[in-house]
Amino acid sequence: MSQPAPRARRGQLVPRAFTPGDKALNFLLPDLHGQDHDLYAEVVGEPILLIVLRTLFSAQARAMLAALEQAQPQLQDHGFQVVVVTGDTPSIAGGAKLPEHRGQLLLCDSVGHVLNWYLAAGTTNGENELDEAPPLRSYLLDPNQRVIASWANEAPEAHFSGAFDAVESWRHDSNRQAAFVAPPALVLPRIFEPELCDHLIGLWQSSHREGSLSTGREHLYAPNKKKNLEHLIEDEETINRVRKTLARRVLPEINKVFNYGERLVMEGFIVLCYQVERGDFFDVHRDRYTPQQPRRFALSLNLNEGFEGGELCFPEYADAKLKPPRGGGCIFSCSLLHKALPVSRGERFVMTTFFNDPETYGAEQANFR
């Protein structure tokens, strides 16, 4: 089966040159096994070293790959996520027999679209004059996929030493600026009254199951990404009360704060519990990966107090931690990378739902019209 052509995501402009501060273009490419990977969906909130090679089998590429192997301990120490893109097909690239390392991806761009963007970027001399694109280029990206620095014609070892120096400088600057950086999320208090919070916790206590990942269309068990206990609210009286409350208290805020006045439909309402003794957690993820998916906004609403930890964290935006009060919630775009930090004391009860585009979600799946 032929793989889909790699492509920029809708709404992205292809720059003539990637310079520090530019957003790296997203792309969809297969790995050695033909499994597609979306760059933005793979990131885990750490700096990314993106290495783009015309082929794995040139002398320059072999030297770069040898330097990459040599640099593995330092890459791990610095917390790098490494993505290598080659112009070889998966079957040919597999012949290179590269060692596999944790947090490292090898993707294949046999069509050449991604290579053309990333290898040509930065080669502009004048308004319309371009040098010949180099056979390889490295980019250091921050957790928000913005360019920190890039290297092309230096010796392979210089790519890595430059990346290590650049990431240390970036971290120093980020620490100084952290107090001024906030995630683009809304923390809204007093959405639910205490009585409703207690009622929802009571539903969870009456019955619950091992938590799963919900895509809006199916539930997937992924214990390496998420572990908790959850209750899907099925009581119609409770569903009606929750949806009417959110319609009055949350939808107007989405309209105002995010300037989003289109009609939205809600998914089902789930009560989740994170417990210390189970080691419950929800690792970094996005709730919406592509423009075709219907999810627009997420709501995470805390139902209790008295626990420690359990904050919402947005690694693309300085790792700021948000912890709404009881009955209050955090509302944010489903495209944002986020995670729920583990609870260090007590247990955390939270209700979640998503606000969806009705055209792509389908009225038959919505419990709100």
Protein backbone atom coordinates (compact mmCIF):
# COMPACT_ATOMS: atom_id res chain seq x y z
CA MET A 1 0.00 0.00 0.00
CA SER A 2 1.43 3.38 -0.95
CA GLN A 3 2.00 5.86 1.82
CA PRO A 4 0.32 9.29 1.77
CA ALA A 5 2.53 12.11 0.62
CA PRO A 6 4.09 14.09 3.47
CA ARG A 7 2.51 17.46 3.78
CA ALA A 8 2.35 20.63 5.78
CA ARG A 9 -0.69 20.82 7.98
CA ARG A 10 -3.48 23.14 6.89
CA GLY A 11 -2.90 26.77 7.77
CA GLN A 12 0.90 26.52 7.86
CA LEU A 13 3.02 28.82 5.74
CA VAL A 14 6.23 27.41 4.27
CA PRO A 15 8.98 29.91 5.12
CA ARG A 16 11.86 30.66 2.80
CA ALA A 17 14.22 30.21 5.71
CA PHE A 18 13.82 28.80 9.20
CA THR A 19 15.38 31.24 11.63
CA PRO A 20 15.40 31.15 15.44
CA GLY A 21 11.85 31.69 16.71
CA ASP A 22 10.14 30.23 13.63
CA LYS A 23 7.67 27.39 14.11
CA ALA A 24 8.93 24.16 12.57
CA LEU A 25 6.60 22.78 9.93
CA ASN A 26 4.58 19.75 10.93
CA PHE A 27 4.71 16.66 8.74
CA LEU A 28 3.38 13.12 8.41
CA LEU A 29 5.93 10.45 7.44
CA PRO A 30 6.28 6.64 7.74
CA ASP A 31 8.87 4.83 9.83
CA LEU A 32 10.80 1.74 8.72
CA HIS A 33 7.67 -0.40 9.21
CA GLY A 34 5.38 1.87 7.19
CA GLN A 35 3.66 3.25 10.30
CA ASP A 36 2.82 6.94 9.86
CA HIS A 37 4.01 9.46 12.45
CA ASP A 38 2.80 13.02 12.84
CA LEU A 39 5.63 15.18 14.23
CA TYR A 40 3.43 17.29 16.49
CA ALA A 41 1.71 14.15 17.81
CA GLU A 42 5.03 12.52 18.72
CA VAL A 43 6.57 15.31 20.79
CA VAL A 44 6.81 14.76 24.54
CA GLY A 45 7.58 18.26 25.81
CA GLU A 46 11.39 18.09 25.58
CA PRO A 47 13.85 19.81 23.19
CA ILE A 48 13.93 18.10 19.80
CA LEU A 49 17.00 17.50 17.63
CA LEU A 50 15.71 17.15 14.07
CA ILE A 51 18.34 15.70 11.70
CA VAL A 52 17.44 15.80 8.00
CA LEU A 53 19.51 13.65 5.59
CA ARG A 54 19.15 13.38 1.84
CA THR A 55 20.14 9.71 2.20
CA LEU A 56 21.52 7.51 4.96
CA PHE A 57 24.24 6.15 2.68
CA SER A 58 26.34 9.18 1.71
CA ALA A 59 29.75 9.73 3.32
CA GLN A 60 28.43 12.84 5.12
CA ALA A 61 25.40 10.93 6.43
CA ARG A 62 27.52 8.04 7.69
CA ALA A 63 29.73 10.47 9.57
CA MET A 64 26.65 12.19 11.02
CA LEU A 65 25.11 8.89 12.11
CA ALA A 66 28.39 7.81 13.73
CA ALA A 67 28.49 11.11 15.61
CA LEU A 68 24.85 10.59 16.60
CA GLU A 69 25.68 7.20 18.09
CA GLN A 70 28.67 8.65 19.91
CA ALA A 71 26.54 11.45 21.36
CA GLN A 72 23.82 9.17 22.77
CA PRO A 73 24.82 9.50 26.45
CA GLN A 74 24.85 13.31 26.26
CA LEU A 75 21.58 13.36 24.33
CA GLN A 76 19.98 11.32 27.10
CA ASP A 77 21.52 13.54 29.80
CA HIS A 78 20.18 16.68 28.12
CA GLY A 79 16.70 15.14 27.68
CA PHE A 80 16.70 15.39 23.89
CA GLN A 81 14.08 13.81 21.68
CA VAL A 82 15.76 12.88 18.38
CA VAL A 83 13.97 12.69 15.01
CA VAL A 84 15.93 11.66 11.91
CA VAL A 85 14.35 12.19 8.49
CA THR A 86 15.87 10.52 5.42
CA GLY A 87 14.98 10.62 1.74
CA ASP A 88 15.34 6.83 1.49
CA THR A 89 12.34 4.54 1.27
CA PRO A 90 11.56 2.43 4.38
CA SER A 91 12.89 -0.74 2.76
CA ILE A 92 16.17 0.90 1.74
CA ALA A 93 16.57 2.78 5.03
CA GLY A 94 16.14 -0.49 6.92
CA GLY A 95 19.33 -1.71 5.27
CA ALA A 96 21.31 0.84 7.26
CA LYS A 97 20.55 -1.20 10.41
CA LEU A 98 20.73 1.78 12.71
CA PRO A 99 20.66 1.11 16.47
CA GLU A 100 17.34 1.94 18.11
CA HIS A 101 17.33 4.25 21.10
CA ARG A 102 14.58 5.40 23.46
CA GLY A 103 12.96 8.65 22.34
CA GLN A 104 14.43 8.42 18.83
CA LEU A 105 12.50 8.18 15.55
CA LEU A 106 13.72 7.41 12.02
CA LEU A 107 11.23 8.59 9.39
CA CYS A 108 11.32 8.25 5.61
CA ASP A 109 10.50 10.96 3.06
CA SER A 110 10.96 9.21 -0.28
CA VAL A 111 8.78 11.85 -2.00
CA GLY A 112 11.11 14.58 -0.80
CA HIS A 113 8.67 17.29 0.28
CA VAL A 114 9.93 17.53 3.86
CA LEU A 115 13.56 17.32 2.74
CA ASN A 116 12.99 20.15 0.30
CA TRP A 117 11.55 22.36 3.06
CA TYR A 118 14.16 21.63 5.69
CA LEU A 119 17.30 21.28 3.57
CA ALA A 120 16.59 24.38 1.49
CA ALA A 121 15.59 26.46 4.49
CA GLY A 122 18.20 29.00 5.43
CA THR A 123 19.97 29.03 2.05
CA THR A 124 18.61 32.36 0.87
CA ASN A 125 21.44 34.74 -0.11
CA GLY A 126 19.40 37.47 -1.71
CA GLU A 127 15.78 38.10 -2.49
CA ASN A 128 15.62 35.39 -5.17
CA GLU A 129 19.03 33.74 -5.03
CA LEU A 130 19.53 30.31 -3.49
CA ASP A 131 22.69 28.30 -2.88
CA GLU A 132 22.63 24.57 -3.52
CA ALA A 133 20.88 22.88 -0.61
CA PRO A 134 23.23 20.92 1.70
CA PRO A 135 22.95 17.11 1.91
CA LEU A 136 22.09 17.30 5.59
CA ARG A 137 20.97 19.82 8.17
CA SER A 138 20.23 19.69 11.90
CA TYR A 139 17.68 21.77 13.79
CA LEU A 140 17.34 22.24 17.50
CA LEU A 141 13.66 22.83 18.37
CA ASP A 142 12.21 23.85 21.70
CA PRO A 143 9.27 21.92 23.27
CA ASN A 144 6.89 24.17 21.31
CA GLN A 145 8.56 23.09 18.04
CA ARG A 146 10.14 26.51 17.50
CA VAL A 147 13.64 26.76 16.06
CA ILE A 148 16.42 27.53 18.55
CA ALA A 149 19.35 27.01 16.15
CA SER A 150 20.42 25.04 13.06
CA TRP A 151 23.60 23.65 11.50
CA ALA A 152 24.44 22.55 7.95
CA ASN A 153 28.05 22.72 6.81
CA GLU A 154 29.84 22.14 10.11
CA ALA A 155 31.56 18.87 11.01
CA PRO A 156 29.10 16.31 12.44
CA GLU A 157 30.50 16.63 15.96
CA ALA A 158 29.88 20.38 15.79
CA HIS A 159 26.14 19.78 15.23
CA PHE A 160 25.94 18.04 18.59
CA SER A 161 28.29 20.25 20.58
CA GLY A 162 26.44 23.27 19.17
CA ALA A 163 23.09 21.72 20.13
CA PHE A 164 24.27 21.02 23.70
CA ASP A 165 25.52 24.58 24.13
CA ALA A 166 22.38 26.05 22.54
CA VAL A 167 19.99 24.05 24.70
CA GLU A 168 21.80 25.08 27.88
CA SER A 169 21.57 28.73 26.84
CA TRP A 170 17.89 28.28 25.96
CA ARG A 171 17.16 26.67 29.33
CA HIS A 172 18.90 29.49 31.15
CA ASP A 173 16.85 32.09 29.27
CA SER A 174 13.65 30.07 29.77
CA ASN A 175 14.19 29.88 33.52
CA ARG A 176 14.61 33.64 33.69
CA GLN A 177 11.47 34.19 31.63
CA ALA A 178 9.30 31.48 33.25
CA ALA A 179 7.49 33.94 35.51
CA PHE A 180 6.23 35.80 32.44
CA VAL A 181 5.06 32.75 30.46
CA ALA A 182 1.59 31.30 30.92
CA PRO A 183 -0.15 28.60 28.86
CA PRO A 184 -3.04 29.76 26.65
CA ALA A 185 -5.60 28.13 28.95
CA LEU A 186 -8.51 29.51 30.97
CA VAL A 187 -8.92 28.61 34.65
CA LEU A 188 -12.53 29.28 35.59
CA PRO A 189 -13.75 28.92 39.22
CA ARG A 190 -17.31 28.18 40.44
CA ILE A 191 -18.53 26.12 37.49
CA PHE A 192 -20.07 23.39 39.69
CA GLU A 193 -21.57 23.82 43.14
CA PRO A 194 -20.14 21.64 45.97
CA GLU A 195 -23.33 19.54 46.01
CA LEU A 196 -22.90 18.63 42.32
CA CYS A 197 -19.23 17.83 42.87
CA ASP A 198 -20.17 15.45 45.70
CA HIS A 199 -22.88 13.86 43.55
CA LEU A 200 -20.42 13.13 40.74
CA ILE A 201 -17.88 11.65 43.16
CA GLY A 202 -20.70 9.47 44.53
CA LEU A 203 -21.41 8.15 41.02
CA TRP A 204 -17.76 7.18 40.69
CA GLN A 205 -17.83 5.46 44.08
CA SER A 206 -20.88 3.42 42.98
CA SER A 207 -19.08 2.01 39.95
CA HIS A 208 -15.84 2.58 38.06
CA ARG A 209 -13.45 0.80 35.72
CA GLU A 210 -9.88 0.99 34.55
CA GLY A 211 -9.38 4.18 32.55
CA SER A 212 -8.83 4.27 28.80
CA LEU A 213 -7.82 6.77 26.16
CA SER A 214 -10.83 8.23 24.38
CA THR A 215 -10.56 9.52 20.81
CA GLY A 216 -14.22 10.53 20.76
CA ARG A 217 -15.01 7.51 18.60
CA GLU A 218 -13.33 4.64 20.46
CA HIS A 219 -11.72 3.76 23.80
CA LEU A 220 -8.16 2.42 23.83
CA TYR A 221 -6.28 0.96 26.78
CA ALA A 222 -2.76 2.38 26.92
CA PRO A 223 -1.26 1.85 30.41
CA ASN A 224 2.03 3.37 29.27
CA LYS A 225 0.21 6.66 28.60
CA LYS A 226 -2.63 6.74 31.12
CA LYS A 227 -3.55 4.97 34.35
CA ASN A 228 -6.58 5.83 36.49
CA LEU A 229 -10.08 4.69 37.40
CA GLU A 230 -13.10 6.24 35.70
CA HIS A 231 -16.88 6.34 35.61
CA LEU A 232 -18.80 7.24 32.43
CA ILE A 233 -21.89 9.19 33.48
CA GLU A 234 -24.98 7.48 32.06
CA ASP A 235 -27.68 8.83 34.38
CA GLU A 236 -29.83 11.03 32.11
CA GLU A 237 -30.86 13.42 34.88
CA THR A 238 -27.20 14.06 35.76
CA ILE A 239 -26.22 14.40 32.11
CA ASN A 240 -28.91 17.02 31.55
CA ARG A 241 -27.90 18.95 34.65
CA VAL A 242 -24.19 18.93 33.71
CA ARG A 243 -24.72 19.92 30.08
CA LYS A 244 -27.08 22.78 30.99
CA THR A 245 -24.65 24.07 33.61
CA LEU A 246 -21.73 23.99 31.17
CA ALA A 247 -23.85 25.65 28.48
CA ARG A 248 -24.55 28.58 30.82
CA ARG A 249 -21.16 28.88 32.49
CA VAL A 250 -18.50 27.60 30.07
CA LEU A 251 -19.71 28.13 26.49
CA PRO A 252 -20.01 31.93 26.92
CA GLU A 253 -16.44 32.01 28.23
CA ILE A 254 -15.16 30.01 25.25
CA ASN A 255 -16.94 32.50 23.01
CA LYS A 256 -15.34 35.47 24.77
CA VAL A 257 -11.86 34.27 25.71
CA PHE A 258 -11.06 32.23 22.59
CA ASN A 259 -13.22 34.32 20.22
CA TYR A 260 -14.97 31.12 19.14
CA GLY A 261 -18.66 31.65 18.50
CA GLU A 262 -19.40 28.57 16.40
CA ARG A 263 -21.84 25.95 17.63
CA LEU A 264 -20.27 23.20 19.77
CA VAL A 265 -21.49 19.81 20.96
CA MET A 266 -20.29 18.01 24.06
CA GLU A 267 -18.94 14.50 24.36
CA GLY A 268 -19.89 12.23 27.24
CA PHE A 269 -18.95 13.22 30.78
CA ILE A 270 -16.37 11.10 32.59
CA VAL A 271 -15.40 11.20 36.28
CA LEU A 272 -11.79 10.12 36.81
CA CYS A 273 -9.87 9.36 39.99
CA TYR A 274 -6.09 9.50 40.36
CA GLN A 275 -4.74 7.62 43.39
CA VAL A 276 -1.27 7.70 44.92
CA GLU A 277 -1.12 4.02 45.85
CA ARG A 278 -1.87 2.97 42.25
CA GLY A 279 0.69 5.36 40.74
CA ASP A 280 -2.01 6.87 38.52
CA PHE A 281 -0.96 9.37 35.87
CA PHE A 282 -1.81 10.77 32.44
CA ASP A 283 1.30 11.37 30.33
CA VAL A 284 1.83 14.05 27.68
CA HIS A 285 -0.67 13.98 24.84
CA ARG A 286 -2.88 16.07 22.60
CA ASP A 287 -6.65 15.60 22.46
CA ARG A 288 -6.75 16.66 18.79
CA TYR A 289 -4.04 15.70 16.31
CA THR A 290 -5.37 16.71 12.91
CA PRO A 291 -7.72 19.40 11.55
CA GLN A 292 -10.16 16.63 10.56
CA GLN A 293 -10.77 15.60 14.17
CA PRO A 294 -13.84 17.23 15.74
CA ARG A 295 -12.51 18.14 19.17
CA ARG A 296 -11.98 21.86 19.68
CA PHE A 297 -11.80 22.53 23.45
CA ALA A 298 -11.22 20.38 26.53
CA LEU A 299 -12.54 20.86 30.06
CA SER A 300 -10.81 19.39 33.11
CA LEU A 301 -12.87 20.18 36.23
CA ASN A 302 -11.65 19.37 39.75
CA LEU A 303 -14.31 17.88 42.03
CA ASN A 304 -12.43 17.81 45.34
CA GLU A 305 -9.68 19.42 47.38
CA GLY A 306 -7.20 18.08 49.92
CA PHE A 307 -4.84 16.40 47.45
CA GLU A 308 -1.31 17.40 46.52
CA GLY A 309 0.12 17.27 43.01
CA GLY A 310 -2.27 16.48 40.17
CA GLU A 311 -1.72 19.79 38.38
CA LEU A 312 -2.29 20.25 34.66
CA CYS A 313 0.94 21.00 32.85
CA PHE A 314 1.53 22.38 29.34
CA PRO A 315 5.15 21.54 28.36
CA GLU A 316 5.06 23.66 25.20
CA TYR A 317 4.55 26.75 27.37
CA ALA A 318 7.21 26.76 30.10
CA ASP A 319 5.70 23.81 31.98
CA ALA A 320 3.40 26.10 33.99
CA LYS A 321 1.23 24.15 36.46
CA LEU A 322 -2.50 24.83 36.76
CA LYS A 323 -4.70 23.58 39.59
CA PRO A 324 -8.30 24.84 39.55
CA PRO A 325 -10.14 24.95 42.88
CA ARG A 326 -12.95 22.54 43.72
CA GLY A 327 -15.79 23.09 41.27
CA GLY A 328 -13.48 25.03 38.97
CA GLY A 329 -12.08 23.90 35.65
CA CYS A 330 -9.35 24.44 33.11
CA ILE A 331 -10.51 25.04 29.53
CA PHE A 332 -8.01 24.83 26.68
CA SER A 333 -7.58 24.06 23.00
CA CYS A 334 -7.47 20.34 22.27
CA SER A 335 -4.39 20.96 20.09
CA LEU A 336 -2.21 21.80 23.12
CA LEU A 337 0.26 19.27 24.45
CA HIS A 338 -0.56 18.63 28.11
CA LYS A 339 -0.33 16.13 30.96
CA ALA A 340 -1.74 15.52 34.43
CA LEU A 341 1.02 15.34 37.02
CA PRO A 342 0.85 12.44 39.50
CA VAL A 343 -0.92 12.96 42.81
CA SER A 344 1.61 12.93 45.67
CA ARG A 345 -0.96 12.86 48.52
CA GLY A 346 -4.63 11.96 48.71
CA GLU A 347 -6.73 11.30 45.64
CA ARG A 348 -7.90 13.62 42.88
CA PHE A 349 -11.39 13.48 41.39
CA VAL A 350 -11.92 15.28 38.10
CA MET A 351 -14.66 15.44 35.47
CA THR A 352 -13.67 15.81 31.84
CA THR A 353 -15.45 16.46 28.59
CA PHE A 354 -14.73 17.88 25.14
CA PHE A 355 -16.48 20.50 23.05
CA ASN A 356 -16.70 19.39 19.43
CA ASP A 357 -17.41 20.76 15.99
CA PRO A 358 -20.86 19.30 15.17
CA GLU A 359 -20.15 18.98 11.45
CA THR A 360 -17.35 16.47 11.96
CA TYR A 361 -18.49 14.95 15.27
CA GLY A 362 -21.98 13.90 14.21
CA ALA A 363 -25.21 14.74 15.94
CA GLU A 364 -25.85 11.08 16.73
CA GLN A 365 -22.76 11.01 18.96
CA ALA A 366 -23.51 14.19 20.86
CA ASN A 367 -25.46 14.40 24.09
CA PHE A 368 -25.78 18.17 23.69
CA ARG A 369 -27.71 19.92 20.92
